[in-house]
Amino acid sequence: MTGMKHTITIDELVQNYQQVRMASEQICSPLETEDYVVQPVADVSPPKWHLGHTTWFFETFLLKEYAPGYKEFDPAYNYVFNSYYESIGARVIRTDRGNLSRPSVKDVYRYRKYVDEAMVAFMLSEPLPGIVELIILGLNHEQQHQELLYTDIKYILGHNPLFPLYRSDYPVNGPQPGKKEMIPVKEGIYEVGYGGDGFCWDNELARHKVYMTEFQISNSLVTNGEYLEFMEDGGYHNFNYWHAEGWDWVKKQQLESPLYWHFVDGHWMNYTFGGLKPVNRDEAVCHVSFFEAYAYAGWKGMRLPTEFEWEVASGFFDWGQRWEWTESAYLPYPHFSKAPGALGEYNGKFMVNQNVLRGASEVTPAGHSRNTYRNFFQTNQRWQFTGIRLAK
């Protein structure tokens, strides 16, 4: 799956497992029981489902497969919490996850406790190195779902007419660097892709050379204030800046602003984890689609970077505050091959009709970001923490 090498001890593995599993539950701790089961749109999964699915992953791919004498918690959960693994069997279709009033939230937490206890016992039995790699993959899978928990919780609360806050002490992002500069990068042949010994996803491999002409890339992200200028100049009403598909999308959705922005009493307000607040002009714009990022870049007379330009230049600017749209379609690297079995369905099957995002965001778990990490979403999606960096 990843070609990784590990020197982790069993005690460290158990500690990492417990920390990651606890982090998912801490993300959900501010929620009311009713918040756990809501699914406003197909792309958003109820928090309860995320907690169950990440548990199902460990039960299905590790305990049922390798732990002697393990007794499945509930055979019905395979149908409920399988996401998209065709080889594992039938599953609840994604749009119906919000109809799952049962199993209850209490049942899901009991499920997590049951599997966690079995996993700790299994890890203390000193599993083989290949199984340790599978456990580490499961932890990275759960960290991906921790990001999705944040994004889905924000969508659930942000579409509640009361605009409830998630956490009053949620940290506020600072302003972008005061002096904007375009960083020049010379023409040449560069190496891209993961080249270390730690964990990486299969879509980050294999490391290979690419040729790039000279380009420039911004040292900072586009701010809310800069994006407001695009809006005030009629950006959402001028077809010249948009892809044809993007223009159709804007008109059909009747869009005027990024997701979570609301025009209230003559002022733009932004729903945040701290509730509804005035738009902060100095913060990086967030929750925009690839269509919107592309249109803004065109309005500025610039463009979005390719994913390889972004990776090569990433050492020259700070990144990690927002996932950043690139101009690159999500495609396999040279010599990419899917792993056999169900885990081969993880990335390869999605390499069509999506664009690559690079970087990380404020909700990316610590230690889960790399400058070679290839996130990917459909071009109309904007519920993820997505922003804009310009190139030319």
Protein backbone atom coordinates (compact mmCIF):
# COMPACT_ATOMS: atom_id res chain seq x y z
CA MET A 1 0.00 0.00 0.00
CA THR A 2 2.63 2.54 1.00
CA GLY A 3 6.08 0.96 0.91
CA MET A 4 6.86 2.32 4.38
CA LYS A 5 9.44 1.24 6.93
CA HIS A 6 8.74 1.56 10.65
CA THR A 7 10.82 1.33 13.83
CA ILE A 8 7.91 1.91 16.20
CA THR A 9 7.73 -0.06 19.44
CA ILE A 10 4.56 -1.85 20.54
CA ASP A 11 4.15 0.58 23.47
CA GLU A 12 4.40 3.54 21.08
CA LEU A 13 1.92 1.91 18.72
CA VAL A 14 -0.61 1.39 21.52
CA GLN A 15 -0.13 4.98 22.71
CA ASN A 16 -0.58 6.35 19.17
CA TYR A 17 -3.69 4.24 18.72
CA GLN A 18 -5.26 5.46 21.95
CA GLN A 19 -4.41 9.12 21.20
CA VAL A 20 -5.91 9.02 17.71
CA ARG A 21 -9.05 7.23 18.85
CA MET A 22 -9.56 9.65 21.73
CA ALA A 23 -9.08 12.65 19.40
CA SER A 24 -12.13 11.62 17.34
CA GLU A 25 -14.28 11.53 20.45
CA GLN A 26 -12.91 14.88 21.64
CA ILE A 27 -13.95 16.47 18.34
CA CYS A 28 -17.50 15.29 19.04
CA SER A 29 -17.55 16.24 22.72
CA PRO A 30 -19.19 19.69 22.22
CA LEU A 31 -22.11 18.11 20.30
CA GLU A 32 -25.61 17.44 21.54
CA THR A 33 -26.98 13.96 20.85
CA GLU A 34 -29.22 15.34 18.09
CA ASP A 35 -26.17 16.76 16.25
CA TYR A 36 -24.72 13.26 15.81
CA VAL A 37 -27.43 12.05 13.41
CA VAL A 38 -28.04 14.93 10.97
CA GLN A 39 -27.21 14.66 7.25
CA PRO A 40 -28.17 17.92 5.50
CA VAL A 41 -26.71 16.90 2.08
CA ALA A 42 -25.34 13.71 0.53
CA ASP A 43 -21.68 14.76 0.91
CA VAL A 44 -22.01 15.27 4.67
CA SER A 45 -22.07 12.20 6.89
CA PRO A 46 -23.52 12.27 10.41
CA PRO A 47 -20.81 12.41 13.11
CA LYS A 48 -22.17 9.15 14.53
CA TRP A 49 -21.45 7.43 11.22
CA HIS A 50 -17.81 8.65 11.18
CA LEU A 51 -17.28 7.27 14.69
CA GLY A 52 -18.75 3.94 13.65
CA HIS A 53 -17.00 3.70 10.28
CA THR A 54 -13.50 4.32 11.65
CA THR A 55 -14.18 1.61 14.24
CA TRP A 56 -15.49 -0.76 11.56
CA PHE A 57 -12.20 -0.27 9.70
CA PHE A 58 -10.16 -1.71 12.57
CA GLU A 59 -12.67 -4.49 13.21
CA THR A 60 -12.94 -5.51 9.54
CA PHE A 61 -9.37 -5.23 8.30
CA LEU A 62 -7.52 -6.22 11.50
CA LEU A 63 -9.50 -7.96 14.24
CA LYS A 64 -11.72 -10.19 12.09
CA GLU A 65 -8.80 -10.94 9.82
CA TYR A 66 -5.91 -11.48 12.25
CA ALA A 67 -7.01 -11.60 15.91
CA PRO A 68 -7.52 -15.23 17.03
CA GLY A 69 -10.94 -15.85 18.57
CA TYR A 70 -12.26 -12.33 17.96
CA LYS A 71 -16.05 -12.14 18.17
CA GLU A 72 -17.70 -9.51 15.95
CA PHE A 73 -19.55 -6.84 17.93
CA ASP A 74 -22.63 -6.90 15.69
CA PRO A 75 -22.72 -8.51 12.20
CA ALA A 76 -25.22 -5.85 11.03
CA TYR A 77 -22.60 -3.12 11.50
CA ASN A 78 -20.74 -4.27 8.38
CA TYR A 79 -23.77 -3.16 6.35
CA VAL A 80 -24.18 0.07 8.32
CA PHE A 81 -20.58 1.32 8.46
CA ASN A 82 -18.96 0.09 5.24
CA SER A 83 -18.31 3.22 3.15
CA TYR A 84 -17.44 2.29 -0.44
CA TYR A 85 -15.59 -1.04 -0.29
CA GLU A 86 -17.34 -3.12 -2.93
CA SER A 87 -15.31 -6.22 -2.06
CA ILE A 88 -16.50 -6.15 1.57
CA GLY A 89 -20.17 -6.45 0.65
CA ALA A 90 -23.48 -4.56 0.69
CA ARG A 91 -23.77 -1.27 2.53
CA VAL A 92 -26.18 1.53 3.34
CA ILE A 93 -26.07 4.00 0.45
CA ARG A 94 -24.37 7.26 1.32
CA THR A 95 -27.50 9.42 1.05
CA ASP A 96 -29.28 7.25 3.64
CA ARG A 97 -26.75 7.63 6.45
CA GLY A 98 -28.91 10.32 8.03
CA ASN A 99 -31.79 7.84 8.34
CA LEU A 100 -29.83 5.69 10.77
CA SER A 101 -31.54 6.53 14.05
CA ARG A 102 -30.23 3.13 15.13
CA PRO A 103 -27.66 2.09 16.18
CA SER A 104 -27.89 4.81 18.81
CA VAL A 105 -25.06 7.17 19.73
CA LYS A 106 -24.62 5.17 22.94
CA ASP A 107 -24.38 1.96 20.91
CA VAL A 108 -21.68 3.46 18.68
CA TYR A 109 -19.61 4.51 21.70
CA ARG A 110 -20.03 1.00 23.13
CA TYR A 111 -18.84 -0.35 19.78
CA ARG A 112 -15.77 1.86 19.91
CA LYS A 113 -14.93 0.73 23.46
CA TYR A 114 -15.36 -2.93 22.53
CA VAL A 115 -13.11 -2.69 19.47
CA ASP A 116 -10.52 -0.52 21.26
CA GLU A 117 -10.13 -3.04 24.05
CA ALA A 118 -9.73 -5.85 21.50
CA MET A 119 -7.25 -3.80 19.46
CA VAL A 120 -5.05 -3.00 22.47
CA ALA A 121 -4.97 -6.68 23.44
CA PHE A 122 -4.18 -7.58 19.83
CA MET A 123 -1.34 -5.05 19.60
CA LEU A 124 0.17 -6.26 22.88
CA SER A 125 0.40 -9.71 21.30
CA GLU A 126 3.14 -8.20 19.08
CA PRO A 127 1.67 -8.48 15.56
CA LEU A 128 3.88 -9.03 12.53
CA PRO A 129 5.46 -5.95 10.84
CA GLY A 130 3.03 -6.08 7.91
CA ILE A 131 0.11 -5.95 10.34
CA VAL A 132 1.72 -3.02 12.19
CA GLU A 133 1.76 -1.15 8.85
CA LEU A 134 -1.93 -1.91 8.45
CA ILE A 135 -2.64 -0.52 11.95
CA ILE A 136 -0.74 2.67 11.07
CA LEU A 137 -2.75 2.94 7.86
CA GLY A 138 -5.93 2.61 9.96
CA LEU A 139 -4.79 5.45 12.22
CA ASN A 140 -4.11 7.70 9.21
CA HIS A 141 -7.53 6.73 7.86
CA GLU A 142 -9.10 7.83 11.14
CA GLN A 143 -7.19 11.12 11.00
CA GLN A 144 -8.68 11.73 7.56
CA HIS A 145 -12.10 11.21 9.10
CA GLN A 146 -11.24 13.63 11.91
CA GLU A 147 -10.92 16.34 9.27
CA LEU A 148 -14.22 15.21 7.78
CA LEU A 149 -15.80 15.27 11.23
CA TYR A 150 -14.88 18.95 11.56
CA THR A 151 -16.06 19.82 8.06
CA ASP A 152 -19.31 17.88 8.43
CA ILE A 153 -20.03 19.28 11.90
CA LYS A 154 -19.51 22.80 10.54
CA TYR A 155 -21.93 22.11 7.70
CA ILE A 156 -24.52 20.65 10.08
CA LEU A 157 -24.33 23.55 12.55
CA GLY A 158 -23.80 26.17 9.84
CA HIS A 159 -27.05 25.18 8.16
CA ASN A 160 -29.02 25.24 11.38
CA PRO A 161 -31.17 28.42 11.27
CA LEU A 162 -29.95 29.31 14.79
CA PHE A 163 -26.27 29.28 13.69
CA PRO A 164 -25.19 27.59 16.95
CA LEU A 165 -21.56 27.84 17.96
CA TYR A 166 -19.47 24.70 18.08
CA ARG A 167 -16.94 25.92 20.65
CA SER A 168 -16.65 29.38 22.17
CA ASP A 169 -12.88 28.90 22.60
CA TYR A 170 -12.22 27.73 19.03
CA PRO A 171 -8.98 29.45 17.89
CA VAL A 172 -9.30 32.23 15.32
CA ASN A 173 -6.99 32.25 12.30
CA GLY A 174 -4.52 35.10 12.15
CA PRO A 175 -4.16 37.50 9.22
CA GLN A 176 -2.17 36.67 6.11
CA PRO A 177 1.40 38.07 5.80
CA GLY A 178 1.32 41.84 5.44
CA LYS A 179 3.57 42.10 2.39
CA LYS A 180 2.37 40.03 -0.55
CA GLU A 181 5.09 38.86 -2.90
CA MET A 182 5.31 36.63 -5.95
CA ILE A 183 8.09 34.11 -5.45
CA PRO A 184 10.04 33.24 -8.63
CA VAL A 185 10.93 29.61 -9.32
CA LYS A 186 13.45 28.78 -12.03
CA GLU A 187 12.88 26.56 -15.02
CA GLY A 188 14.24 23.08 -14.52
CA ILE A 189 13.74 19.41 -13.80
CA TYR A 190 12.48 18.69 -10.29
CA GLU A 191 11.62 15.59 -8.28
CA VAL A 192 8.12 15.24 -6.84
CA GLY A 193 6.33 12.59 -4.81
CA TYR A 194 7.05 11.07 -1.43
CA GLY A 195 10.64 9.98 -0.84
CA GLY A 196 10.90 9.31 2.90
CA ASP A 197 10.71 6.18 5.08
CA GLY A 198 7.55 7.03 7.04
CA PHE A 199 3.90 6.65 6.18
CA CYS A 200 2.46 7.96 2.94
CA TRP A 201 -0.57 7.16 0.82
CA ASP A 202 -0.14 5.14 -2.33
CA ASN A 203 -1.19 8.12 -4.47
CA GLU A 204 1.96 9.98 -3.36
CA LEU A 205 4.12 7.35 -5.08
CA ALA A 206 6.27 6.86 -7.01
CA ARG A 207 8.72 9.73 -6.70
CA HIS A 208 9.55 10.95 -10.20
CA LYS A 209 11.00 13.84 -12.19
CA VAL A 210 8.99 16.62 -13.82
CA TYR A 211 10.04 19.47 -16.08
CA MET A 212 8.70 22.94 -15.31
CA THR A 213 9.08 26.26 -17.05
CA GLU A 214 9.80 29.37 -14.98
CA PHE A 215 6.86 30.54 -12.89
CA GLN A 216 5.93 32.71 -9.92
CA ILE A 217 3.75 31.81 -6.93
CA SER A 218 2.26 33.96 -4.18
CA ASN A 219 3.76 33.86 -0.68
CA SER A 220 0.28 34.10 0.86
CA LEU A 221 -3.31 33.04 0.36
CA VAL A 222 -6.06 35.23 -1.05
CA THR A 223 -7.83 37.08 1.78
CA ASN A 224 -11.52 37.67 2.43
CA GLY A 225 -10.99 41.34 1.65
CA GLU A 226 -9.41 40.57 -1.72
CA TYR A 227 -12.18 38.12 -2.54
CA LEU A 228 -14.78 40.75 -1.60
CA GLU A 229 -13.30 42.99 -4.30
CA PHE A 230 -13.97 40.23 -6.83
CA MET A 231 -17.55 39.93 -5.59
CA GLU A 232 -18.12 43.71 -5.61
CA ASP A 233 -16.74 43.91 -9.16
CA GLY A 234 -19.47 41.52 -10.32
CA GLY A 235 -17.31 38.42 -10.36
CA TYR A 236 -20.29 36.11 -9.84
CA HIS A 237 -22.12 37.79 -12.74
CA ASN A 238 -19.43 37.82 -15.44
CA PHE A 239 -19.17 34.60 -17.46
CA ASN A 240 -15.74 35.59 -18.79
CA TYR A 241 -13.97 34.40 -15.63
CA TRP A 242 -15.62 30.99 -15.37
CA HIS A 243 -15.36 27.56 -16.93
CA ALA A 244 -18.57 26.77 -18.81
CA GLU A 245 -19.43 24.12 -16.22
CA GLY A 246 -18.62 26.54 -13.41
CA TRP A 247 -20.80 29.26 -14.92
CA ASP A 248 -23.71 26.81 -15.20
CA TRP A 249 -23.13 25.83 -11.56
CA VAL A 250 -23.13 29.47 -10.37
CA LYS A 251 -26.35 30.24 -12.21
CA LYS A 252 -28.11 27.07 -11.10
CA GLN A 253 -27.11 27.57 -7.45
CA GLN A 254 -27.66 31.37 -7.65
CA LEU A 255 -24.39 31.92 -5.82
CA GLU A 256 -23.03 35.30 -4.74
CA SER A 257 -20.35 34.43 -2.15
CA PRO A 258 -18.30 31.65 -0.52
CA LEU A 259 -20.06 29.02 1.57
CA TYR A 260 -21.15 30.23 5.04
CA TRP A 261 -21.26 33.91 4.03
CA HIS A 262 -24.54 35.73 4.67
CA PHE A 263 -25.48 39.31 3.79
CA VAL A 264 -27.20 40.66 6.93
CA ASP A 265 -28.36 44.27 7.36
CA GLY A 266 -25.92 45.56 4.77
CA HIS A 267 -22.89 43.60 6.05
CA TRP A 268 -21.27 40.31 5.10
CA MET A 269 -21.30 37.82 7.97
CA ASN A 270 -19.44 34.52 8.12
CA TYR A 271 -20.50 31.40 10.02
CA THR A 272 -17.55 30.11 12.05
CA PHE A 273 -17.11 27.49 14.76
CA GLY A 274 -17.55 30.41 17.13
CA GLY A 275 -20.93 31.33 15.61
CA LEU A 276 -21.92 34.02 13.11
CA LYS A 277 -19.27 36.78 12.92
CA PRO A 278 -18.52 39.75 10.65
CA VAL A 279 -16.26 38.74 7.75
CA ASN A 280 -12.64 39.39 8.73
CA ARG A 281 -11.05 40.99 5.68
CA ASP A 282 -7.51 39.95 6.69
CA GLU A 283 -8.17 36.21 7.03
CA ALA A 284 -7.64 33.80 4.16
CA VAL A 285 -10.81 33.20 2.19
CA CYS A 286 -12.21 29.74 2.88
CA HIS A 287 -14.86 27.30 1.62
CA VAL A 288 -14.58 28.14 -2.07
CA SER A 289 -14.89 25.63 -4.91
CA PHE A 290 -12.35 25.03 -7.65
CA PHE A 291 -14.74 26.90 -9.95
CA GLU A 292 -14.60 29.96 -7.70
CA ALA A 293 -10.83 29.73 -7.23
CA TYR A 294 -10.34 29.53 -11.00
CA ALA A 295 -12.69 32.48 -11.62
CA TYR A 296 -10.96 34.65 -9.01
CA ALA A 297 -7.55 33.86 -10.50
CA GLY A 298 -8.81 34.81 -13.96
CA TRP A 299 -10.23 38.06 -12.62
CA LYS A 300 -6.77 38.86 -11.18
CA GLY A 301 -5.11 38.06 -14.51
CA MET A 302 -3.34 35.08 -12.96
CA ARG A 303 -3.96 31.36 -12.52
CA LEU A 304 -3.85 28.55 -9.98
CA PRO A 305 -0.59 26.62 -9.56
CA THR A 306 -0.27 23.05 -10.76
CA GLU A 307 0.21 20.52 -7.99
CA PHE A 308 3.86 20.06 -8.97
CA GLU A 309 4.52 23.81 -8.96
CA TRP A 310 2.96 23.96 -5.50
CA GLU A 311 5.09 21.08 -4.19
CA VAL A 312 8.35 22.39 -5.60
CA ALA A 313 7.71 25.91 -4.24
CA SER A 314 6.25 24.83 -0.87
CA GLY A 315 9.54 25.37 0.93
CA PHE A 316 9.35 29.11 0.18
CA PHE A 317 6.02 29.92 1.86
CA ASP A 318 4.00 28.93 4.91
CA TRP A 319 1.25 26.44 4.21
CA GLY A 320 -1.24 24.45 6.24
CA GLN A 321 -3.89 27.07 7.04
CA ARG A 322 -6.17 26.08 4.12
CA TRP A 323 -6.32 23.28 1.59
CA GLU A 324 -5.28 24.96 -1.65
CA TRP A 325 -6.86 24.26 -5.02
CA THR A 326 -4.46 23.44 -7.84
CA GLU A 327 -4.97 23.41 -11.59
CA SER A 328 -4.14 19.69 -11.69
CA ALA A 329 -6.56 16.88 -12.35
CA TYR A 330 -6.28 13.99 -9.88
CA LEU A 331 -4.44 11.32 -11.86
CA PRO A 332 -2.02 8.47 -11.03
CA TYR A 333 1.72 9.04 -10.91
CA PRO A 334 4.01 6.98 -13.18
CA HIS A 335 4.21 3.36 -11.97
CA PHE A 336 1.23 3.78 -9.65
CA SER A 337 -0.47 0.47 -8.89
CA LYS A 338 -3.43 -0.33 -6.70
CA ALA A 339 -2.92 -2.68 -3.77
CA PRO A 340 -4.66 -6.06 -4.02
CA GLY A 341 -7.97 -6.62 -2.24
CA ALA A 342 -10.25 -4.11 -0.54
CA LEU A 343 -7.48 -1.65 0.39
CA GLY A 344 -6.77 -1.21 -3.31
CA GLU A 345 -10.09 0.65 -3.48
CA TYR A 346 -8.75 3.41 -1.23
CA ASN A 347 -7.42 5.97 -3.73
CA GLY A 348 -7.11 4.62 -7.25
CA LYS A 349 -10.83 4.27 -7.95
CA PHE A 350 -11.32 8.03 -7.44
CA MET A 351 -8.77 9.16 -10.04
CA VAL A 352 -11.34 10.75 -12.35
CA ASN A 353 -13.30 14.03 -12.45
CA GLN A 354 -11.55 15.53 -9.40
CA ASN A 355 -8.89 18.19 -8.82
CA VAL A 356 -5.93 18.01 -6.48
CA LEU A 357 -5.67 20.14 -3.35
CA ARG A 358 -2.34 20.61 -1.62
CA GLY A 359 -1.29 21.64 1.87
CA ALA A 360 -3.45 21.10 4.95
CA SER A 361 -5.94 23.12 6.99
CA GLU A 362 -6.74 24.29 10.49
CA VAL A 363 -8.60 21.01 11.08
CA THR A 364 -5.84 18.70 9.82
CA PRO A 365 -4.58 16.58 12.74
CA ALA A 366 -1.05 17.32 13.92
CA GLY A 367 1.51 15.18 12.10
CA HIS A 368 -0.92 14.30 9.31
CA SER A 369 0.31 16.82 6.71
CA ARG A 370 3.09 16.52 4.12
CA ASN A 371 4.00 18.68 1.16
CA THR A 372 3.51 15.57 -1.00
CA TYR A 373 -0.01 14.85 0.35
CA ARG A 374 -2.56 14.76 -2.50
CA ASN A 375 -6.05 15.63 -1.34
CA PHE A 376 -8.77 15.61 -3.98
CA PHE A 377 -12.35 16.77 -4.41
CA GLN A 378 -14.87 17.41 -7.16
CA THR A 379 -14.64 20.88 -8.66
CA ASN A 380 -17.94 22.09 -7.17
CA GLN A 381 -17.20 21.05 -3.58
CA ARG A 382 -16.61 23.74 -0.98
CA TRP A 383 -17.56 22.37 2.42
CA GLN A 384 -13.91 21.42 2.94
CA PHE A 385 -11.56 24.16 4.30
CA THR A 386 -10.40 25.24 0.85
CA GLY A 387 -8.58 28.44 -0.15
CA ILE A 388 -6.71 30.08 -3.02
CA ARG A 389 -3.02 30.68 -3.77
CA LEU A 390 -2.21 32.41 -7.07
CA ALA A 391 0.50 31.73 -9.62
CA LYS A 392 1.58 33.17 -12.95
